[in-house]
Amino acid sequence: MKKKSVTAGTPAVNEDKAALAAPFVKCLARLIRAQDTYGLQDAASDAELLTHFIITEQQRREIPIIGDPDPDVLLRFNIFYTAVGLTIEARTGLAASPTMMISHEGFGRVLLTTGRLVVFSKTVRDVHRFGFATLGKLAEAGAKLVDDAIAAIQTYPEVARA
């Protein structure tokens, strides 16, 4: 039995193309490639590199929340917020540094600072299940964080540059 092929005109493919063109997603893909010091994923497309960030509801339910978060999940979590910081820096010219404190149980806090300004602060839980339903949701979440942080920088530019 043949598999159905996905054509370039379907809404899901068009949404993925739009997501892959987003500056945040491009930055995220660059960071993933930078982590690949041996070049094992040089031939992989950006979409293939980002598949680890995509977790369906079924996959999310199957992930146990008891025990330590997987090191690969923690790395993806770190790369995601680092990409947010780098995208902020690219748009504003101000370095945005992520600070993450995650317990061995998957709970903690994420901060992004620029100068003396905290542009993002979030308490996180269930880091074990970190991921997004689609590439579009990944791009949307990253872009929203970047836009909110830039709005804070524009509101308090003196503090951000301090």
N, C-alpha and C. Protein backbone atom coordinates (compact mmCIF):
# COMPACT_ATOMS: atom_id res chain seq x y z
N MET A 1 0.83 -1.18 0.00
CA MET A 1 0.00 0.00 0.00
C MET A 1 0.89 1.25 0.00
N LYS A 2 0.60 2.16 -0.88
CA LYS A 2 1.38 3.38 -1.00
C LYS A 2 0.94 4.40 0.04
N LYS A 3 1.92 5.16 0.53
CA LYS A 3 1.61 6.28 1.42
C LYS A 3 1.14 7.46 0.58
N LYS A 4 0.23 8.22 1.15
CA LYS A 4 -0.19 9.44 0.48
C LYS A 4 0.93 10.45 0.55
N SER A 5 1.17 11.13 -0.53
CA SER A 5 2.20 12.17 -0.50
C SER A 5 1.55 13.49 -0.13
N VAL A 6 2.30 14.27 0.59
CA VAL A 6 1.81 15.59 0.97
C VAL A 6 2.25 16.56 -0.11
N THR A 7 1.30 17.28 -0.67
CA THR A 7 1.64 18.21 -1.74
C THR A 7 2.00 19.57 -1.17
N ALA A 8 2.67 20.35 -1.96
CA ALA A 8 3.15 21.65 -1.51
C ALA A 8 2.01 22.64 -1.26
N GLY A 9 0.83 22.36 -1.75
CA GLY A 9 -0.28 23.30 -1.60
C GLY A 9 -1.12 23.09 -0.35
N THR A 10 -0.86 22.06 0.42
CA THR A 10 -1.70 21.81 1.59
C THR A 10 -1.43 22.84 2.67
N PRO A 11 -2.45 23.16 3.47
CA PRO A 11 -2.28 24.17 4.52
C PRO A 11 -1.17 23.84 5.52
N ALA A 12 -1.02 22.58 5.89
CA ALA A 12 0.01 22.20 6.86
C ALA A 12 1.41 22.46 6.31
N VAL A 13 1.63 22.14 5.05
CA VAL A 13 2.94 22.36 4.43
C VAL A 13 3.20 23.85 4.30
N ASN A 14 2.18 24.62 3.90
CA ASN A 14 2.34 26.07 3.78
C ASN A 14 2.63 26.70 5.14
N GLU A 15 1.97 26.21 6.20
CA GLU A 15 2.21 26.72 7.54
C GLU A 15 3.63 26.40 7.98
N ASP A 16 4.11 25.20 7.68
CA ASP A 16 5.48 24.83 8.02
C ASP A 16 6.50 25.69 7.28
N LYS A 17 6.23 25.98 6.01
CA LYS A 17 7.14 26.83 5.23
C LYS A 17 7.20 28.23 5.84
N ALA A 18 6.05 28.74 6.22
CA ALA A 18 6.00 30.08 6.83
C ALA A 18 6.74 30.06 8.17
N ALA A 19 6.56 29.00 8.95
CA ALA A 19 7.23 28.90 10.25
C ALA A 19 8.74 28.81 10.06
N LEU A 20 9.19 28.04 9.09
CA LEU A 20 10.63 27.90 8.84
C LEU A 20 11.28 29.19 8.35
N ALA A 21 10.48 30.09 7.80
CA ALA A 21 11.00 31.38 7.32
C ALA A 21 11.08 32.43 8.43
N ALA A 22 10.48 32.16 9.58
CA ALA A 22 10.47 33.12 10.68
C ALA A 22 11.88 33.32 11.24
N PRO A 23 12.25 34.56 11.57
CA PRO A 23 13.59 34.82 12.09
C PRO A 23 13.92 34.01 13.35
N PHE A 24 12.95 33.84 14.24
CA PHE A 24 13.20 33.08 15.46
C PHE A 24 13.54 31.62 15.12
N VAL A 25 12.79 31.02 14.22
CA VAL A 25 13.01 29.62 13.86
C VAL A 25 14.35 29.45 13.15
N LYS A 26 14.72 30.40 12.31
CA LYS A 26 16.03 30.35 11.65
C LYS A 26 17.15 30.41 12.68
N CYS A 27 16.99 31.26 13.68
CA CYS A 27 17.99 31.37 14.75
C CYS A 27 18.07 30.07 15.54
N LEU A 28 16.92 29.48 15.82
CA LEU A 28 16.87 28.21 16.55
C LEU A 28 17.59 27.11 15.77
N ALA A 29 17.35 27.04 14.48
CA ALA A 29 18.02 26.04 13.64
C ALA A 29 19.54 26.26 13.62
N ARG A 30 19.96 27.52 13.56
CA ARG A 30 21.40 27.83 13.61
C ARG A 30 22.02 27.36 14.92
N LEU A 31 21.32 27.57 16.02
CA LEU A 31 21.84 27.13 17.32
C LEU A 31 21.96 25.61 17.39
N ILE A 32 20.98 24.92 16.85
CA ILE A 32 21.03 23.45 16.85
C ILE A 32 22.23 22.99 16.02
N ARG A 33 22.44 23.62 14.88
CA ARG A 33 23.59 23.25 14.05
C ARG A 33 24.90 23.57 14.77
N ALA A 34 24.93 24.64 15.53
CA ALA A 34 26.14 25.00 16.28
C ALA A 34 26.46 23.97 17.36
N GLN A 35 25.45 23.31 17.90
CA GLN A 35 25.65 22.29 18.92
C GLN A 35 26.20 20.99 18.32
N ASP A 36 26.05 20.82 17.02
CA ASP A 36 26.49 19.61 16.31
C ASP A 36 27.96 19.77 15.91
N THR A 37 28.85 19.61 16.88
CA THR A 37 30.27 19.87 16.64
C THR A 37 30.93 18.88 15.68
N TYR A 38 30.35 17.71 15.51
CA TYR A 38 30.93 16.71 14.60
C TYR A 38 30.31 16.73 13.21
N GLY A 39 29.32 17.58 13.00
CA GLY A 39 28.72 17.70 11.67
C GLY A 39 27.85 16.52 11.28
N LEU A 40 27.31 15.80 12.25
CA LEU A 40 26.48 14.63 11.94
C LEU A 40 25.17 15.01 11.28
N GLN A 41 24.71 16.24 11.51
CA GLN A 41 23.41 16.65 10.96
C GLN A 41 23.55 17.72 9.88
N ASP A 42 24.71 17.81 9.27
CA ASP A 42 24.93 18.82 8.24
C ASP A 42 23.97 18.67 7.06
N ALA A 43 23.62 17.44 6.72
CA ALA A 43 22.75 17.22 5.57
C ALA A 43 21.27 17.36 5.92
N ALA A 44 20.93 17.47 7.20
CA ALA A 44 19.54 17.57 7.62
C ALA A 44 18.98 18.95 7.32
N SER A 45 17.71 18.98 6.93
CA SER A 45 17.05 20.26 6.69
C SER A 45 16.68 20.88 8.04
N ASP A 46 16.32 22.16 8.01
CA ASP A 46 15.91 22.82 9.25
C ASP A 46 14.68 22.14 9.85
N ALA A 47 13.76 21.72 9.00
CA ALA A 47 12.55 21.05 9.49
C ALA A 47 12.91 19.75 10.22
N GLU A 48 13.87 19.01 9.69
CA GLU A 48 14.30 17.77 10.34
C GLU A 48 14.97 18.06 11.68
N LEU A 49 15.76 19.14 11.74
CA LEU A 49 16.42 19.49 13.00
C LEU A 49 15.43 19.88 14.07
N LEU A 50 14.33 20.49 13.67
CA LEU A 50 13.35 21.00 14.63
C LEU A 50 12.31 19.97 15.04
N THR A 51 12.36 18.77 14.48
CA THR A 51 11.35 17.76 14.83
C THR A 51 11.39 17.38 16.30
N HIS A 52 12.54 17.55 16.95
CA HIS A 52 12.62 17.21 18.37
C HIS A 52 11.81 18.17 19.24
N PHE A 53 11.49 19.34 18.71
CA PHE A 53 10.68 20.31 19.45
C PHE A 53 9.18 20.04 19.28
N ILE A 54 8.82 19.16 18.35
CA ILE A 54 7.41 18.88 18.07
C ILE A 54 6.98 17.64 18.85
N ILE A 55 6.00 17.85 19.73
CA ILE A 55 5.48 16.76 20.56
C ILE A 55 3.96 16.79 20.48
N THR A 56 3.38 15.71 19.99
CA THR A 56 1.92 15.63 19.88
C THR A 56 1.31 15.41 21.27
N GLU A 57 0.01 15.59 21.35
CA GLU A 57 -0.69 15.38 22.63
C GLU A 57 -0.50 13.94 23.11
N GLN A 58 -0.55 13.00 22.20
CA GLN A 58 -0.37 11.59 22.57
C GLN A 58 1.03 11.36 23.12
N GLN A 59 2.04 11.89 22.45
CA GLN A 59 3.41 11.75 22.93
C GLN A 59 3.58 12.42 24.29
N ARG A 60 2.94 13.57 24.47
CA ARG A 60 3.02 14.31 25.73
C ARG A 60 2.44 13.48 26.88
N ARG A 61 1.33 12.80 26.62
CA ARG A 61 0.70 11.96 27.65
C ARG A 61 1.58 10.78 28.04
N GLU A 62 2.36 10.28 27.10
CA GLU A 62 3.19 9.11 27.35
C GLU A 62 4.47 9.43 28.11
N ILE A 63 4.84 10.70 28.22
CA ILE A 63 6.06 11.08 28.91
C ILE A 63 5.81 11.09 30.41
N PRO A 64 6.54 10.28 31.17
CA PRO A 64 6.33 10.29 32.63
C PRO A 64 6.89 11.58 33.24
N ILE A 65 6.19 12.11 34.24
CA ILE A 65 6.66 13.33 34.88
C ILE A 65 7.39 13.04 36.18
N ILE A 66 7.46 11.78 36.52
CA ILE A 66 8.21 11.38 37.72
C ILE A 66 9.63 11.04 37.28
N GLY A 67 10.59 11.57 37.99
CA GLY A 67 11.99 11.33 37.65
C GLY A 67 12.63 12.56 37.06
N ASP A 68 13.91 12.46 36.82
CA ASP A 68 14.67 13.58 36.29
C ASP A 68 14.33 13.82 34.82
N PRO A 69 14.30 15.10 34.41
CA PRO A 69 14.10 15.38 32.98
C PRO A 69 15.27 14.84 32.17
N ASP A 70 14.98 14.37 30.99
CA ASP A 70 16.00 13.85 30.09
C ASP A 70 16.99 14.96 29.74
N PRO A 71 18.29 14.68 29.69
CA PRO A 71 19.26 15.72 29.32
C PRO A 71 19.00 16.33 27.94
N ASP A 72 18.48 15.54 27.01
CA ASP A 72 18.16 16.07 25.68
C ASP A 72 17.04 17.11 25.76
N VAL A 73 16.06 16.88 26.63
CA VAL A 73 14.97 17.83 26.81
C VAL A 73 15.51 19.12 27.42
N LEU A 74 16.38 18.99 28.41
CA LEU A 74 16.97 20.18 29.02
C LEU A 74 17.80 20.97 28.02
N LEU A 75 18.50 20.27 27.13
CA LEU A 75 19.27 20.95 26.09
C LEU A 75 18.34 21.71 25.14
N ARG A 76 17.26 21.07 24.70
CA ARG A 76 16.30 21.74 23.82
C ARG A 76 15.68 22.95 24.52
N PHE A 77 15.35 22.82 25.79
CA PHE A 77 14.79 23.90 26.58
C PHE A 77 15.77 25.07 26.61
N ASN A 78 17.03 24.77 26.87
CA ASN A 78 18.08 25.79 26.92
C ASN A 78 18.26 26.45 25.55
N ILE A 79 18.31 25.67 24.50
CA ILE A 79 18.49 26.21 23.16
C ILE A 79 17.32 27.11 22.77
N PHE A 80 16.10 26.72 23.13
CA PHE A 80 14.92 27.52 22.81
C PHE A 80 15.04 28.93 23.40
N TYR A 81 15.33 29.01 24.70
CA TYR A 81 15.41 30.33 25.34
C TYR A 81 16.67 31.10 24.93
N THR A 82 17.72 30.40 24.57
CA THR A 82 18.90 31.07 24.03
C THR A 82 18.57 31.70 22.68
N ALA A 83 17.79 30.99 21.86
CA ALA A 83 17.36 31.53 20.56
C ALA A 83 16.48 32.76 20.75
N VAL A 84 15.65 32.76 21.78
CA VAL A 84 14.84 33.95 22.08
C VAL A 84 15.77 35.12 22.36
N GLY A 85 16.77 34.90 23.21
CA GLY A 85 17.72 35.96 23.54
C GLY A 85 18.48 36.46 22.34
N LEU A 86 18.92 35.57 21.48
CA LEU A 86 19.68 35.97 20.28
C LEU A 86 18.80 36.72 19.28
N THR A 87 17.55 36.34 19.18
CA THR A 87 16.64 37.04 18.27
C THR A 87 16.36 38.45 18.79
N ILE A 88 16.23 38.58 20.11
CA ILE A 88 16.06 39.91 20.71
C ILE A 88 17.29 40.76 20.40
N GLU A 89 18.45 40.17 20.57
CA GLU A 89 19.70 40.89 20.29
C GLU A 89 19.79 41.32 18.83
N ALA A 90 19.38 40.45 17.93
CA ALA A 90 19.43 40.78 16.50
C ALA A 90 18.51 41.94 16.17
N ARG A 91 17.37 42.03 16.83
CA ARG A 91 16.41 43.09 16.51
C ARG A 91 16.67 44.40 17.25
N THR A 92 17.32 44.33 18.41
CA THR A 92 17.50 45.55 19.21
C THR A 92 18.95 46.01 19.33
N GLY A 93 19.88 45.12 19.09
CA GLY A 93 21.29 45.44 19.28
C GLY A 93 21.72 45.32 20.74
N LEU A 94 20.82 44.86 21.61
CA LEU A 94 21.12 44.69 23.03
C LEU A 94 21.18 43.20 23.36
N ALA A 95 22.22 42.80 24.07
CA ALA A 95 22.37 41.39 24.44
C ALA A 95 21.31 41.01 25.46
N ALA A 96 20.59 39.94 25.19
CA ALA A 96 19.58 39.41 26.11
C ALA A 96 20.07 38.05 26.60
N SER A 97 20.31 37.98 27.89
CA SER A 97 20.90 36.76 28.47
C SER A 97 19.85 35.93 29.18
N PRO A 98 19.72 34.65 28.81
CA PRO A 98 18.79 33.78 29.53
C PRO A 98 19.45 33.22 30.79
N THR A 99 18.68 33.13 31.85
CA THR A 99 19.11 32.48 33.09
C THR A 99 18.05 31.45 33.44
N MET A 100 18.48 30.21 33.61
CA MET A 100 17.54 29.13 33.89
C MET A 100 17.97 28.37 35.13
N MET A 101 17.04 28.19 36.00
CA MET A 101 17.25 27.35 37.18
C MET A 101 16.17 26.29 37.16
N ILE A 102 16.54 25.07 36.83
CA ILE A 102 15.60 23.97 36.75
C ILE A 102 16.02 22.91 37.75
N SER A 103 15.09 22.49 38.60
CA SER A 103 15.40 21.45 39.58
C SER A 103 15.46 20.09 38.90
N HIS A 104 15.94 19.11 39.63
CA HIS A 104 16.01 17.76 39.08
C HIS A 104 14.62 17.17 38.86
N GLU A 105 13.58 17.84 39.37
CA GLU A 105 12.21 17.36 39.19
C GLU A 105 11.50 18.02 38.00
N GLY A 106 12.18 18.96 37.34
CA GLY A 106 11.59 19.59 36.16
C GLY A 106 10.83 20.87 36.45
N PHE A 107 11.06 21.49 37.60
CA PHE A 107 10.42 22.75 37.96
C PHE A 107 11.48 23.83 38.07
N GLY A 108 11.11 25.07 37.81
CA GLY A 108 12.09 26.13 37.96
C GLY A 108 11.63 27.45 37.41
N ARG A 109 12.60 28.27 37.02
CA ARG A 109 12.33 29.62 36.54
C ARG A 109 13.27 29.95 35.38
N VAL A 110 12.73 30.73 34.45
CA VAL A 110 13.50 31.23 33.32
C VAL A 110 13.41 32.75 33.35
N LEU A 111 14.56 33.40 33.25
CA LEU A 111 14.63 34.86 33.17
C LEU A 111 15.42 35.25 31.94
N LEU A 112 15.02 36.33 31.30
CA LEU A 112 15.80 36.93 30.23
C LEU A 112 16.05 38.37 30.64
N THR A 113 17.31 38.77 30.67
CA THR A 113 17.65 40.12 31.08
C THR A 113 18.42 40.83 29.97
N THR A 114 18.20 42.12 29.91
CA THR A 114 18.93 43.00 29.01
C THR A 114 19.36 44.18 29.86
N GLY A 115 20.66 44.36 30.02
CA GLY A 115 21.14 45.40 30.93
C GLY A 115 20.66 45.06 32.33
N ARG A 116 19.92 45.97 32.94
CA ARG A 116 19.34 45.72 34.27
C ARG A 116 17.85 45.41 34.20
N LEU A 117 17.34 45.27 32.99
CA LEU A 117 15.91 45.05 32.79
C LEU A 117 15.61 43.57 32.61
N VAL A 118 14.66 43.07 33.39
CA VAL A 118 14.16 41.70 33.20
C VAL A 118 13.06 41.80 32.15
N VAL A 119 13.33 41.27 30.96
CA VAL A 119 12.37 41.36 29.86
C VAL A 119 11.44 40.16 29.79
N PHE A 120 11.79 39.10 30.51
CA PHE A 120 10.95 37.90 30.54
C PHE A 120 11.21 37.15 31.83
N SER A 121 10.15 36.73 32.48
CA SER A 121 10.25 35.93 33.69
C SER A 121 9.11 34.93 33.69
N LYS A 122 9.45 33.67 33.85
CA LYS A 122 8.41 32.64 33.83
C LYS A 122 8.79 31.50 34.76
N THR A 123 7.83 31.07 35.55
CA THR A 123 7.99 29.87 36.35
C THR A 123 7.58 28.69 35.46
N VAL A 124 8.42 27.68 35.38
CA VAL A 124 8.14 26.53 34.52
C VAL A 124 7.94 25.29 35.37
N ARG A 125 7.13 24.40 34.85
CA ARG A 125 6.93 23.11 35.49
C ARG A 125 6.75 22.07 34.40
N ASP A 126 6.97 20.85 34.76
CA ASP A 126 6.88 19.74 33.80
C ASP A 126 7.76 19.96 32.58
N VAL A 127 9.01 20.32 32.83
CA VAL A 127 9.95 20.51 31.74
C VAL A 127 10.11 19.22 30.95
N HIS A 128 9.78 18.10 31.58
CA HIS A 128 9.84 16.79 30.91
C HIS A 128 9.06 16.82 29.60
N ARG A 129 7.97 17.60 29.57
CA ARG A 129 7.05 17.62 28.44
C ARG A 129 7.24 18.85 27.55
N PHE A 130 8.40 19.47 27.59
CA PHE A 130 8.64 20.69 26.82
C PHE A 130 8.60 20.38 25.33
N GLY A 131 7.78 21.10 24.62
CA GLY A 131 7.67 20.94 23.18
C GLY A 131 6.43 21.65 22.67
N PHE A 132 6.23 21.59 21.37
CA PHE A 132 5.13 22.30 20.73
C PHE A 132 4.41 21.36 19.79
N ALA A 133 3.13 21.62 19.57
CA ALA A 133 2.31 20.72 18.75
C ALA A 133 2.72 20.74 17.27
N THR A 134 3.11 21.91 16.77
CA THR A 134 3.48 22.04 15.35
C THR A 134 4.64 23.04 15.23
N LEU A 135 5.23 23.08 14.05
CA LEU A 135 6.27 24.08 13.79
C LEU A 135 5.69 25.48 13.87
N GLY A 136 4.44 25.63 13.44
CA GLY A 136 3.78 26.93 13.53
C GLY A 136 3.64 27.40 14.96
N LYS A 137 3.27 26.48 15.86
CA LYS A 137 3.15 26.83 17.28
C LYS A 137 4.51 27.17 17.87
N LEU A 138 5.55 26.47 17.45
CA LEU A 138 6.91 26.77 17.89
C LEU A 138 7.31 28.18 17.46
N ALA A 139 7.09 28.51 16.19
CA ALA A 139 7.43 29.83 15.67
C ALA A 139 6.61 30.91 16.36
N GLU A 140 5.34 30.63 16.58
CA GLU A 140 4.44 31.60 17.22
C GLU A 140 4.88 31.88 18.66
N ALA A 141 5.22 30.84 19.40
CA ALA A 141 5.65 31.00 20.80
C ALA A 141 6.94 31.81 20.88
N GLY A 142 7.91 31.48 20.04
CA GLY A 142 9.17 32.21 20.04
C GLY A 142 8.98 33.67 19.64
N ALA A 143 8.19 33.92 18.62
CA ALA A 143 7.95 35.28 18.15
C ALA A 143 7.23 36.10 19.22
N LYS A 144 6.30 35.49 19.92
CA LYS A 144 5.57 36.20 20.98
C LYS A 144 6.51 36.59 22.12
N LEU A 145 7.38 35.68 22.52
CA LEU A 145 8.35 36.00 23.57
C LEU A 145 9.26 37.14 23.14
N VAL A 146 9.73 37.09 21.91
CA VAL A 146 10.61 38.14 21.39
C VAL A 146 9.88 39.47 21.33
N ASP A 147 8.66 39.48 20.80
CA ASP A 147 7.90 40.73 20.69
C ASP A 147 7.59 41.33 22.06
N ASP A 148 7.21 40.48 23.03
CA ASP A 148 6.93 40.98 24.38
C ASP A 148 8.18 41.57 25.02
N ALA A 149 9.32 40.92 24.83
CA ALA A 149 10.57 41.42 25.40
C ALA A 149 10.96 42.74 24.76
N ILE A 150 10.79 42.86 23.46
CA ILE A 150 11.13 44.10 22.76
C ILE A 150 10.20 45.23 23.21
N ALA A 151 8.95 44.92 23.47
CA ALA A 151 8.03 45.94 23.99
C ALA A 151 8.49 46.43 25.35
N ALA A 152 8.98 45.54 26.19
CA ALA A 152 9.50 45.94 27.51
C ALA A 152 10.74 46.81 27.34
N ILE A 153 11.60 46.45 26.40
CA ILE A 153 12.82 47.24 26.14
C ILE A 153 12.44 48.64 25.65
N GLN A 154 11.44 48.72 24.79
CA GLN A 154 11.02 50.03 24.28
C GLN A 154 10.35 50.87 25.36
N THR A 155 9.71 50.23 26.33
CA THR A 155 9.09 50.95 27.43
C THR A 155 10.12 51.50 28.40
N TYR A 156 11.19 50.73 28.65
CA TYR A 156 12.22 51.13 29.61
C TYR A 156 13.61 51.08 28.96
N PRO A 157 13.86 51.92 27.96
CA PRO A 157 15.14 51.83 27.23
C PRO A 157 16.35 52.18 28.09
N GLU A 158 16.21 53.09 29.05
CA GLU A 158 17.34 53.47 29.90
C GLU A 158 17.79 52.29 30.77
N VAL A 159 16.83 51.55 31.29
CA VAL A 159 17.15 50.40 32.14
C VAL A 159 17.77 49.29 31.30
N ALA A 160 17.25 49.10 30.08
CA ALA A 160 17.76 48.05 29.20
C ALA A 160 19.20 48.34 28.77
N ARG A 161 19.55 49.61 28.68
CA ARG A 161 20.89 49.97 28.25
C ARG A 161 21.85 50.18 29.41
N ALA A 162 21.36 50.08 30.62
CA ALA A 162 22.21 50.30 31.82
C ALA A 162 23.21 49.19 32.02
